[in-house]
């Protein structure tokens, strides 16, 4: 076993993260494929989530005979954290460098996997996520052509040329992620820019895919660099098993428990997807408030609808009907306009926007009320704009108004949101 012997100056440091749980049957092949990487500036982290079998013992035996130059760290969690918390612990305590290449304890990486990822990452301008092709393996390691292969061969990757379109497609089509966590690498600083997940979603690939789209985007190349093994104790199977309430380790769960502190089985799947979408809303707020993300009316509406639908289903567990998602605050907004278009927009808006004021260029209207909102002019908008996430332009003259807001009120263009015509005219379709 070796980890490369060529000393290449200035290559970015990369961590290969091998995450495992009760995979003693496959861990030798998986670990050896990490040690056999030909990339020189590499750290390998094996992180085990309190396996009850001999997974860690196999790793330590292999490490005893390892003579290569890689920095290898073996972590064994004293208690089972669950997938979401384990991933967060890994990213915040164990990885180093610029990129982390993800591996599961039953998958097999090609020897040039890390090298090719780094080459593509640098060529693409260091995006937040790099994905590549994969092949499916059965329990014995034979190549099979299953649903994952079909998906990889038939999906449209061109959507990733535009991060906003990718996020909208993702939420339109029920979390339509293009890549499995077995065949990706993440920029470590992208994870850290958004911080520890509040809901600890048990699907780290969905977490990081959305964060990447909020940050510096995604790059895919079709070269097959990993064998993705599918069997009853694989990584995907562990995610499915995590749906059982005894395995859910998220403080977010407490919002939906009944008076006996339990969650009925019929709500498990919905809770897991609600974890994902709620975390994505939190991350979206972070991106917006850091000034890194252009607010998009359609995306805000889609995310909040996906959240609210699941929230309404989950609160039935408490025998309640409560639309208030107090755990997920909306965007603070000002609506520009005091005519029919603004009135229609206010009636059309979902709960993703908390409208604080109405704004108009007519100073004679300043201080008056517009459907319960205080009207302010541009002079009074500028001092409060730091407290506001966005200005909703409820008019067909969007660019004229955007120019006015940027030049006369010094508003960042990313805060100026175009309201769709359907909302302005009050057409709910």
Protein backbone atom coordinates (compact mmCIF):
# COMPACT_ATOMS: atom_id res chain seq x y z
CA UNK A 1 0.00 0.00 0.00
CA UNK A 2 1.20 3.50 -0.75
CA UNK A 3 -0.09 7.03 -0.86
CA UNK A 4 2.09 8.50 -3.55
CA UNK A 5 5.80 9.24 -3.44
CA UNK A 6 6.04 12.28 -5.75
CA UNK A 7 6.72 15.56 -3.96
CA UNK A 8 4.66 18.16 -5.80
CA UNK A 9 4.98 21.72 -4.52
CA UNK A 10 1.88 23.84 -3.95
CA UNK A 11 -0.73 21.16 -4.50
CA UNK A 12 -3.70 21.85 -2.22
CA UNK A 13 -4.01 19.70 0.86
CA UNK A 14 -6.92 17.27 0.68
CA UNK A 15 -8.58 15.11 3.31
CA UNK A 16 -10.10 11.78 2.35
CA UNK A 17 -12.87 11.10 4.86
CA UNK A 18 -13.79 7.43 5.19
CA UNK A 19 -16.99 7.25 7.24
CA UNK A 20 -17.99 3.84 8.51
CA UNK A 21 -20.42 2.02 10.75
CA UNK A 22 -20.61 -1.77 11.15
CA UNK A 23 -18.85 -2.48 7.86
CA UNK A 24 -16.15 -4.97 8.87
CA UNK A 25 -16.97 -7.08 5.81
CA UNK A 26 -16.00 -4.31 3.37
CA UNK A 27 -13.76 -1.91 5.27
CA UNK A 28 -10.46 -3.51 4.20
CA UNK A 29 -11.10 -2.85 0.51
CA UNK A 30 -12.43 0.63 1.22
CA UNK A 31 -9.50 1.63 3.45
CA UNK A 32 -6.88 0.16 1.12
CA UNK A 33 -8.37 2.13 -1.77
CA UNK A 34 -7.83 5.30 0.27
CA UNK A 35 -4.25 4.39 1.17
CA UNK A 36 -3.53 3.61 -2.49
CA UNK A 37 -4.29 7.13 -3.70
CA UNK A 38 -1.54 8.59 -5.89
CA UNK A 39 -2.06 12.15 -4.62
CA UNK A 40 0.86 13.34 -2.47
CA UNK A 41 -0.57 16.07 -0.20
CA UNK A 42 -3.16 13.91 1.50
CA UNK A 43 -4.63 13.30 4.93
CA UNK A 44 -6.82 10.24 5.51
CA UNK A 45 -9.43 10.25 8.25
CA UNK A 46 -11.27 7.06 9.16
CA UNK A 47 -14.22 8.01 11.34
CA UNK A 48 -16.33 5.27 12.86
CA UNK A 49 -19.70 5.97 14.45
CA UNK A 50 -19.45 3.54 17.39
CA UNK A 51 -19.60 0.29 15.41
CA UNK A 52 -20.61 -2.80 17.34
CA UNK A 53 -18.59 -5.10 15.06
CA UNK A 54 -14.84 -5.30 14.25
CA UNK A 55 -14.71 -2.44 11.75
CA UNK A 56 -12.19 -0.39 13.73
CA UNK A 57 -10.05 -3.42 14.60
CA UNK A 58 -9.66 -4.21 10.89
CA UNK A 59 -8.61 -0.62 10.20
CA UNK A 60 -6.03 -0.62 13.00
CA UNK A 61 -4.54 -3.93 11.84
CA UNK A 62 -4.12 -2.56 8.32
CA UNK A 63 -2.58 0.61 9.69
CA UNK A 64 -0.02 -1.37 11.70
CA UNK A 65 1.50 -2.63 8.45
CA UNK A 66 1.23 0.67 6.57
CA UNK A 67 4.59 2.18 5.57
CA UNK A 68 3.46 5.11 3.45
CA UNK A 69 3.83 8.82 4.15
CA UNK A 70 0.20 9.86 4.51
CA UNK A 71 -1.10 11.34 7.72
CA UNK A 72 -3.73 8.82 8.81
CA UNK A 73 -6.13 9.53 11.68
CA UNK A 74 -8.55 6.98 13.11
CA UNK A 75 -11.50 8.33 15.09
CA UNK A 76 -14.01 6.17 16.92
CA UNK A 77 -17.01 7.95 18.38
CA UNK A 78 -17.69 6.74 21.95
CA UNK A 79 -21.43 6.81 21.25
CA UNK A 80 -23.38 6.65 18.02
CA UNK A 81 -23.99 10.20 16.78
CA UNK A 82 -26.16 9.40 13.80
CA UNK A 83 -25.32 10.46 10.26
CA UNK A 84 -26.06 14.18 10.60
CA UNK A 85 -24.14 14.77 13.82
CA UNK A 86 -21.29 12.50 12.71
CA UNK A 87 -20.81 14.50 9.51
CA UNK A 88 -20.81 17.78 11.46
CA UNK A 89 -18.24 16.42 13.93
CA UNK A 90 -16.04 15.25 11.06
CA UNK A 91 -16.15 18.61 9.27
CA UNK A 92 -15.53 20.64 12.41
CA UNK A 93 -12.88 18.54 14.13
CA UNK A 94 -11.12 16.07 11.84
CA UNK A 95 -10.63 17.39 8.30
CA UNK A 96 -7.81 19.66 7.11
CA UNK A 97 -6.88 21.45 3.93
CA UNK A 98 -9.05 22.83 1.17
CA UNK A 99 -11.08 19.82 0.00
CA UNK A 100 -12.66 16.81 1.64
CA UNK A 101 -13.28 13.74 -0.55
CA UNK A 102 -16.06 11.61 0.87
CA UNK A 103 -15.89 7.80 1.10
CA UNK A 104 -18.13 5.23 2.72
CA UNK A 105 -16.83 2.14 4.48
CA UNK A 106 -18.04 -0.15 1.71
CA UNK A 107 -17.09 1.82 -1.43
CA UNK A 108 -13.91 1.46 -3.49
CA UNK A 109 -12.04 4.49 -4.84
CA UNK A 110 -9.86 4.33 -7.95
CA UNK A 111 -6.16 5.08 -7.20
CA UNK A 112 -6.29 8.37 -9.13
CA UNK A 113 -9.58 9.55 -7.66
CA UNK A 114 -8.19 12.39 -5.54
CA UNK A 115 -5.72 13.48 -8.24
CA UNK A 116 -8.44 13.75 -10.86
CA UNK A 117 -10.78 15.59 -8.49
CA UNK A 118 -8.09 18.16 -7.73
CA UNK A 119 -7.25 18.61 -11.43
CA UNK A 120 -10.90 19.21 -12.32
CA UNK A 121 -11.45 21.43 -9.28
CA UNK A 122 -8.54 23.71 -10.15
CA UNK A 123 -9.50 23.80 -13.84
CA UNK A 124 -13.09 24.76 -12.93
CA UNK A 125 -12.00 27.65 -10.69
CA UNK A 126 -12.31 25.95 -7.28
CA UNK A 127 -16.09 25.45 -7.05
CA UNK A 128 -17.68 24.49 -3.74
CA UNK A 129 -18.51 20.95 -4.87
CA UNK A 130 -16.90 18.60 -7.37
CA UNK A 131 -18.77 15.48 -8.48
CA UNK A 132 -17.73 12.65 -10.76
CA UNK A 133 -19.06 9.46 -12.29
CA UNK A 134 -19.51 6.19 -10.42
CA UNK A 135 -20.25 2.53 -11.02
CA UNK A 136 -22.60 0.44 -8.93
CA UNK A 137 -21.32 -2.69 -7.20
CA UNK A 138 -23.26 -5.54 -5.68
CA UNK A 139 -22.47 -7.09 -2.32
CA UNK A 140 -19.68 -9.22 -3.86
CA UNK A 141 -18.10 -6.33 -5.76
CA UNK A 142 -19.44 -7.14 -9.23
CA UNK A 143 -20.45 -4.20 -11.41
CA UNK A 144 -24.21 -3.86 -11.84
CA UNK A 145 -26.37 -1.44 -13.79
CA UNK A 146 -29.05 -0.17 -11.46
CA UNK A 147 -31.22 2.89 -11.02
CA UNK A 148 -28.31 5.08 -9.91
CA UNK A 149 -26.39 4.31 -13.11
CA UNK A 150 -29.50 5.08 -15.15
CA UNK A 151 -29.89 8.42 -13.36
CA UNK A 152 -26.24 9.41 -13.91
CA UNK A 153 -26.50 8.51 -17.61
CA UNK A 154 -29.73 10.38 -18.28
CA UNK A 155 -29.91 13.55 -16.18
CA UNK A 156 -29.22 17.06 -17.45
CA UNK A 157 -26.01 18.46 -15.97
CA UNK A 158 -26.16 21.75 -17.87
CA UNK A 159 -28.48 23.16 -15.19
CA UNK A 160 -25.45 23.66 -12.95
CA UNK A 161 -24.24 26.51 -15.13
CA UNK A 162 -26.66 28.64 -13.09
CA UNK A 163 -26.79 28.18 -9.32
CA UNK A 164 -30.19 29.84 -8.89
CA UNK A 165 -31.84 27.70 -11.58
CA UNK A 166 -30.31 24.62 -9.94
CA UNK A 167 -31.81 25.51 -6.54
CA UNK A 168 -35.21 26.20 -8.09
CA UNK A 169 -35.16 22.88 -9.97
CA UNK A 170 -34.10 21.08 -6.80
CA UNK A 171 -37.13 22.39 -4.89
CA UNK A 172 -39.56 22.07 -7.79
CA UNK A 173 -38.83 18.39 -8.26
CA UNK A 174 -38.81 17.07 -4.69
CA UNK A 175 -35.14 17.46 -3.75
CA UNK A 176 -33.81 16.52 -7.18
CA UNK A 177 -30.15 16.09 -6.29
CA UNK A 178 -27.89 15.07 -9.17
CA UNK A 179 -25.06 13.44 -7.22
CA UNK A 180 -24.61 10.80 -4.52
CA UNK A 181 -22.41 11.55 -1.54
CA UNK A 182 -20.25 8.59 -2.55
CA UNK A 183 -18.94 10.48 -5.59
CA UNK A 184 -18.30 14.03 -4.43
CA UNK A 185 -15.74 16.32 -2.83
CA UNK A 186 -16.58 19.45 -0.88
CA UNK A 187 -14.68 22.63 -0.25
CA UNK A 188 -14.17 22.69 3.51
CA UNK A 189 -14.58 26.45 3.82
CA UNK A 190 -18.03 26.20 2.21
CA UNK A 191 -19.20 24.04 5.10
CA UNK A 192 -17.66 26.42 7.64
CA UNK A 193 -19.15 29.53 6.01
CA UNK A 194 -22.63 28.29 6.96
CA UNK A 195 -21.64 26.67 10.26
CA UNK A 196 -23.01 23.77 12.27
CA UNK A 197 -26.37 22.63 10.87
CA UNK A 198 -29.22 23.52 13.21
CA UNK A 199 -31.37 20.52 12.27
CA UNK A 200 -28.52 18.00 11.69
CA UNK A 201 -30.09 16.53 8.54
CA UNK A 202 -29.18 12.88 7.98
CA UNK A 203 -28.47 13.44 4.28
CA UNK A 204 -25.14 15.25 4.14
CA UNK A 205 -25.11 15.24 0.35
CA UNK A 206 -28.30 17.34 0.26
CA UNK A 207 -26.87 19.67 2.90
CA UNK A 208 -23.66 20.30 0.99
CA UNK A 209 -25.23 20.36 -2.48
CA UNK A 210 -27.47 23.26 -1.48
CA UNK A 211 -24.66 25.05 0.37
CA UNK A 212 -22.48 24.71 -2.73
CA UNK A 213 -25.19 26.28 -4.88
CA UNK A 214 -25.43 29.16 -2.40
CA UNK A 215 -21.65 29.61 -2.55
CA UNK A 216 -19.32 28.96 -5.49
CA UNK A 217 -21.26 26.34 -7.39
CA UNK A 218 -20.91 22.79 -8.63
CA UNK A 219 -18.71 21.08 -11.21
CA UNK A 220 -19.33 17.59 -12.60
CA UNK A 221 -17.14 15.42 -14.79
CA UNK A 222 -18.29 11.95 -15.92
CA UNK A 223 -15.11 9.94 -15.27
CA UNK A 224 -15.86 6.88 -13.11
CA UNK A 225 -13.67 7.11 -10.01
CA UNK A 226 -15.52 5.13 -7.35
CA UNK A 227 -17.37 1.86 -6.98
CA UNK A 228 -20.59 2.50 -5.07
CA UNK A 229 -21.67 -0.66 -3.27
CA UNK A 230 -25.37 -1.29 -2.72
CA UNK A 231 -26.42 -3.73 -0.01
CA UNK A 232 -28.63 -3.88 3.05
CA UNK A 233 -26.09 -2.29 5.43
CA UNK A 234 -24.75 0.34 3.04
CA UNK A 235 -24.63 4.08 3.63
CA UNK A 236 -27.98 4.70 1.93
CA UNK A 237 -29.52 1.88 3.93
CA UNK A 238 -28.24 3.51 7.11
CA UNK A 239 -30.02 6.73 6.15
CA UNK A 240 -33.24 4.75 5.76
CA UNK A 241 -32.73 3.04 9.13
CA UNK A 242 -32.13 6.46 10.68
CA UNK A 243 -35.80 7.23 10.07
CA UNK A 244 -36.71 5.15 13.11
CA UNK A 245 -37.42 7.49 16.05
CA UNK A 246 -34.92 5.70 18.27
CA UNK A 247 -32.21 6.71 15.78
CA UNK A 248 -33.18 10.36 15.24
CA UNK A 249 -30.66 12.51 17.10
CA UNK A 250 -31.81 16.03 16.29
CA UNK A 251 -32.96 18.68 18.78
CA UNK A 252 -35.19 19.92 15.97
CA UNK A 253 -37.36 16.84 16.57
CA UNK A 254 -38.69 18.33 19.83
CA UNK A 255 -40.93 20.75 17.90
CA UNK A 256 -43.11 17.85 16.75
CA UNK A 257 -43.17 15.37 19.65
CA UNK A 258 -46.49 14.61 21.28
CA UNK A 259 -47.19 14.92 25.01
CA UNK A 260 -45.54 11.53 25.56
CA UNK A 261 -42.34 12.66 23.83
CA UNK A 262 -42.78 10.42 20.79
CA UNK A 263 -43.27 10.67 17.03
CA UNK A 264 -45.68 8.27 15.36
CA UNK A 265 -44.19 6.07 12.66
CA UNK A 266 -46.30 7.61 9.88
CA UNK A 267 -44.38 10.88 10.35
CA UNK A 268 -40.80 9.56 10.13
CA UNK A 269 -40.16 10.10 6.42
CA UNK A 270 -41.73 13.54 6.50
CA UNK A 271 -39.58 14.57 9.45
CA UNK A 272 -36.35 13.64 7.69
CA UNK A 273 -37.22 15.67 4.58
CA UNK A 274 -38.37 18.53 6.82
CA UNK A 275 -34.94 18.47 8.48
CA UNK A 276 -33.37 18.95 5.06
CA UNK A 277 -35.57 21.76 3.76
CA UNK A 278 -35.57 23.68 7.06
CA UNK A 279 -31.78 23.57 7.20
CA UNK A 280 -31.68 24.83 3.63
CA UNK A 281 -33.84 27.78 4.65
CA UNK A 282 -31.43 28.58 7.50
CA UNK A 283 -28.50 28.38 5.07
CA UNK A 284 -30.33 30.56 2.56
CA UNK A 285 -30.82 33.24 5.25
CA UNK A 286 -27.12 33.08 6.09
CA UNK A 287 -26.17 33.52 2.44
CA UNK A 288 -28.60 36.41 1.98
CA UNK A 289 -27.53 38.23 5.14
CA UNK A 290 -23.86 37.79 4.28
CA UNK A 291 -24.55 39.54 0.98
CA UNK A 292 -23.52 36.50 -1.07
CA UNK A 293 -26.86 35.47 -2.51
CA UNK A 294 -29.31 37.28 -4.75
CA UNK A 295 -32.80 36.89 -3.32
CA UNK A 296 -35.14 35.16 -5.75
CA UNK A 297 -38.90 35.43 -5.25
CA UNK A 298 -39.65 32.03 -6.79
CA UNK A 299 -37.02 30.20 -4.76
CA UNK A 300 -38.17 31.76 -1.48
CA UNK A 301 -41.75 30.78 -2.27
CA UNK A 302 -40.78 27.20 -3.18
CA UNK A 303 -38.68 26.61 -0.06
CA UNK A 304 -41.33 27.99 2.27
CA UNK A 305 -44.09 25.97 0.58
CA UNK A 306 -42.02 22.80 0.96
CA UNK A 307 -41.45 23.62 4.62
CA UNK A 308 -45.05 24.56 5.38
CA UNK A 309 -46.50 21.44 3.74
CA UNK A 310 -44.33 19.21 5.92
CA UNK A 311 -44.85 21.33 9.02
CA UNK A 312 -48.62 21.05 8.68
CA UNK A 313 -48.35 17.28 8.41
CA UNK A 314 -45.95 16.92 11.33
CA UNK A 315 -47.92 19.04 13.82
CA UNK A 316 -50.75 16.53 13.50
CA UNK A 317 -48.58 14.32 15.69
CA UNK A 318 -49.31 16.84 18.46
CA UNK A 319 -52.99 16.89 17.46
CA UNK A 320 -52.62 20.55 16.47
CA UNK A 321 -53.25 22.63 13.38
CA UNK A 322 -50.70 25.42 13.58
CA UNK A 323 -49.16 27.14 10.56
CA UNK A 324 -46.66 29.11 12.62
CA UNK A 325 -43.10 28.02 11.92
CA UNK A 326 -41.54 30.02 14.75
CA UNK A 327 -38.32 28.04 14.38
CA UNK A 328 -37.80 29.35 10.81
CA UNK A 329 -37.97 33.17 10.62
CA UNK A 330 -38.91 34.85 7.32
CA UNK A 331 -37.01 37.47 5.35
CA UNK A 332 -37.63 41.05 6.45
CA UNK A 333 -38.87 43.08 3.50
CA UNK A 334 -40.02 46.47 2.30
CA UNK A 335 -42.50 46.57 -0.56
CA UNK A 336 -41.89 49.29 -3.12
CA UNK A 337 -45.16 50.66 -4.41
CA UNK A 338 -48.49 51.84 -3.07
CA UNK A 339 -50.67 51.05 -6.06
CA UNK A 340 -52.76 48.05 -7.10
CA UNK A 341 -49.68 45.94 -7.89
CA UNK A 342 -48.38 46.31 -4.34
CA UNK A 343 -51.83 45.55 -2.92
CA UNK A 344 -52.08 42.37 -5.00
CA UNK A 345 -48.55 41.35 -4.04
CA UNK A 346 -49.30 41.71 -0.32
CA UNK A 347 -52.34 39.46 -0.75
CA UNK A 348 -50.31 36.97 -2.80
CA UNK A 349 -47.23 36.75 -0.57
CA UNK A 350 -46.56 33.61 1.40
CA UNK A 351 -44.91 33.50 4.80
CA UNK A 352 -41.37 33.79 3.40
CA UNK A 353 -41.50 37.58 3.57
CA UNK A 354 -42.27 39.68 6.64
CA UNK A 355 -43.15 43.08 5.15
CA UNK A 356 -42.22 45.91 7.51
CA UNK A 357 -42.94 49.01 5.41
CA UNK A 358 -44.29 50.21 2.10
CA UNK A 359 -42.05 52.59 0.17
CA UNK A 360 -42.91 55.21 -2.42
CA UNK A 361 -41.12 58.12 -4.08
CA UNK A 362 -44.04 60.41 -3.26
CA UNK A 363 -43.01 62.21 -0.06
CA UNK A 364 -46.62 63.35 0.46
CA UNK A 365 -47.54 59.74 1.26
CA UNK A 366 -44.73 59.35 3.81
CA UNK A 367 -46.06 58.51 7.26
CA UNK A 368 -49.45 57.40 5.98
CA UNK A 369 -50.78 53.84 6.04
CA UNK A 370 -51.03 51.38 3.17
CA UNK A 371 -52.96 48.24 4.12
CA UNK A 372 -51.63 48.42 7.65
CA UNK A 373 -48.06 49.29 6.64
CA UNK A 374 -46.40 52.61 7.35
CA UNK A 375 -45.37 54.33 4.12
CA UNK A 376 -41.81 55.67 3.93
CA UNK A 377 -39.97 57.52 1.17
CA UNK A 378 -36.44 56.90 -0.14
CA UNK A 379 -34.94 59.31 2.39
CA UNK A 380 -36.27 57.17 5.24
CA UNK A 381 -35.52 53.86 3.54
CA UNK A 382 -31.75 54.32 3.34
CA UNK A 383 -31.12 54.54 7.14
CA UNK A 384 -33.04 51.33 7.87
CA UNK A 385 -31.87 49.23 4.93
CA UNK A 386 -29.35 47.32 7.08
CA UNK A 387 -32.31 45.91 9.05
CA UNK A 388 -34.07 44.81 5.87
CA UNK A 389 -33.23 41.71 3.83
CA UNK A 390 -34.89 42.85 0.62
CA UNK A 391 -36.99 45.39 -1.23
CA UNK A 392 -39.85 43.81 -3.20
CA UNK A 393 -40.50 45.73 -6.40
CA UNK A 394 -44.20 45.28 -7.18
CA UNK A 395 -44.14 47.00 -10.54
CA UNK A 396 -43.55 46.26 -14.20
CA UNK A 397 -40.89 48.99 -14.24
CA UNK A 398 -38.39 46.84 -12.37
CA UNK A 399 -35.11 48.07 -13.83
CA UNK A 400 -36.12 51.72 -13.65
CA UNK A 401 -36.96 51.28 -9.96
CA UNK A 402 -33.86 49.18 -9.27
CA UNK A 403 -31.66 51.91 -10.75
CA UNK A 404 -33.45 54.48 -8.60
CA UNK A 405 -33.00 52.44 -5.42
CA UNK A 406 -29.33 51.76 -6.08
CA UNK A 407 -28.46 55.34 -7.00
CA UNK A 408 -30.64 57.37 -4.64
CA UNK A 409 -30.91 55.08 -1.62
CA UNK A 410 -27.53 53.28 -1.94
CA UNK A 411 -29.17 49.85 -1.82
CA UNK A 412 -27.18 46.77 -2.80
CA UNK A 413 -28.65 45.39 -6.01
CA UNK A 414 -28.78 41.89 -4.50
CA UNK A 415 -31.41 43.13 -2.04
CA UNK A 416 -33.75 44.31 -4.78
CA UNK A 417 -36.23 41.58 -5.70
CA UNK A 418 -38.37 41.40 -8.80
CA UNK A 419 -41.91 40.36 -7.96
CA UNK A 420 -43.36 38.13 -10.72
CA UNK A 421 -46.20 39.44 -12.85
CA UNK A 422 -48.54 36.76 -11.50
CA UNK A 423 -48.26 38.28 -8.02
CA UNK A 424 -48.52 41.88 -9.24
CA UNK A 425 -51.78 41.19 -11.07
CA UNK A 426 -53.06 38.83 -8.36
CA UNK A 427 -53.18 35.74 -10.57
CA UNK A 428 -52.87 32.61 -8.45
CA UNK A 429 -53.22 30.36 -11.49
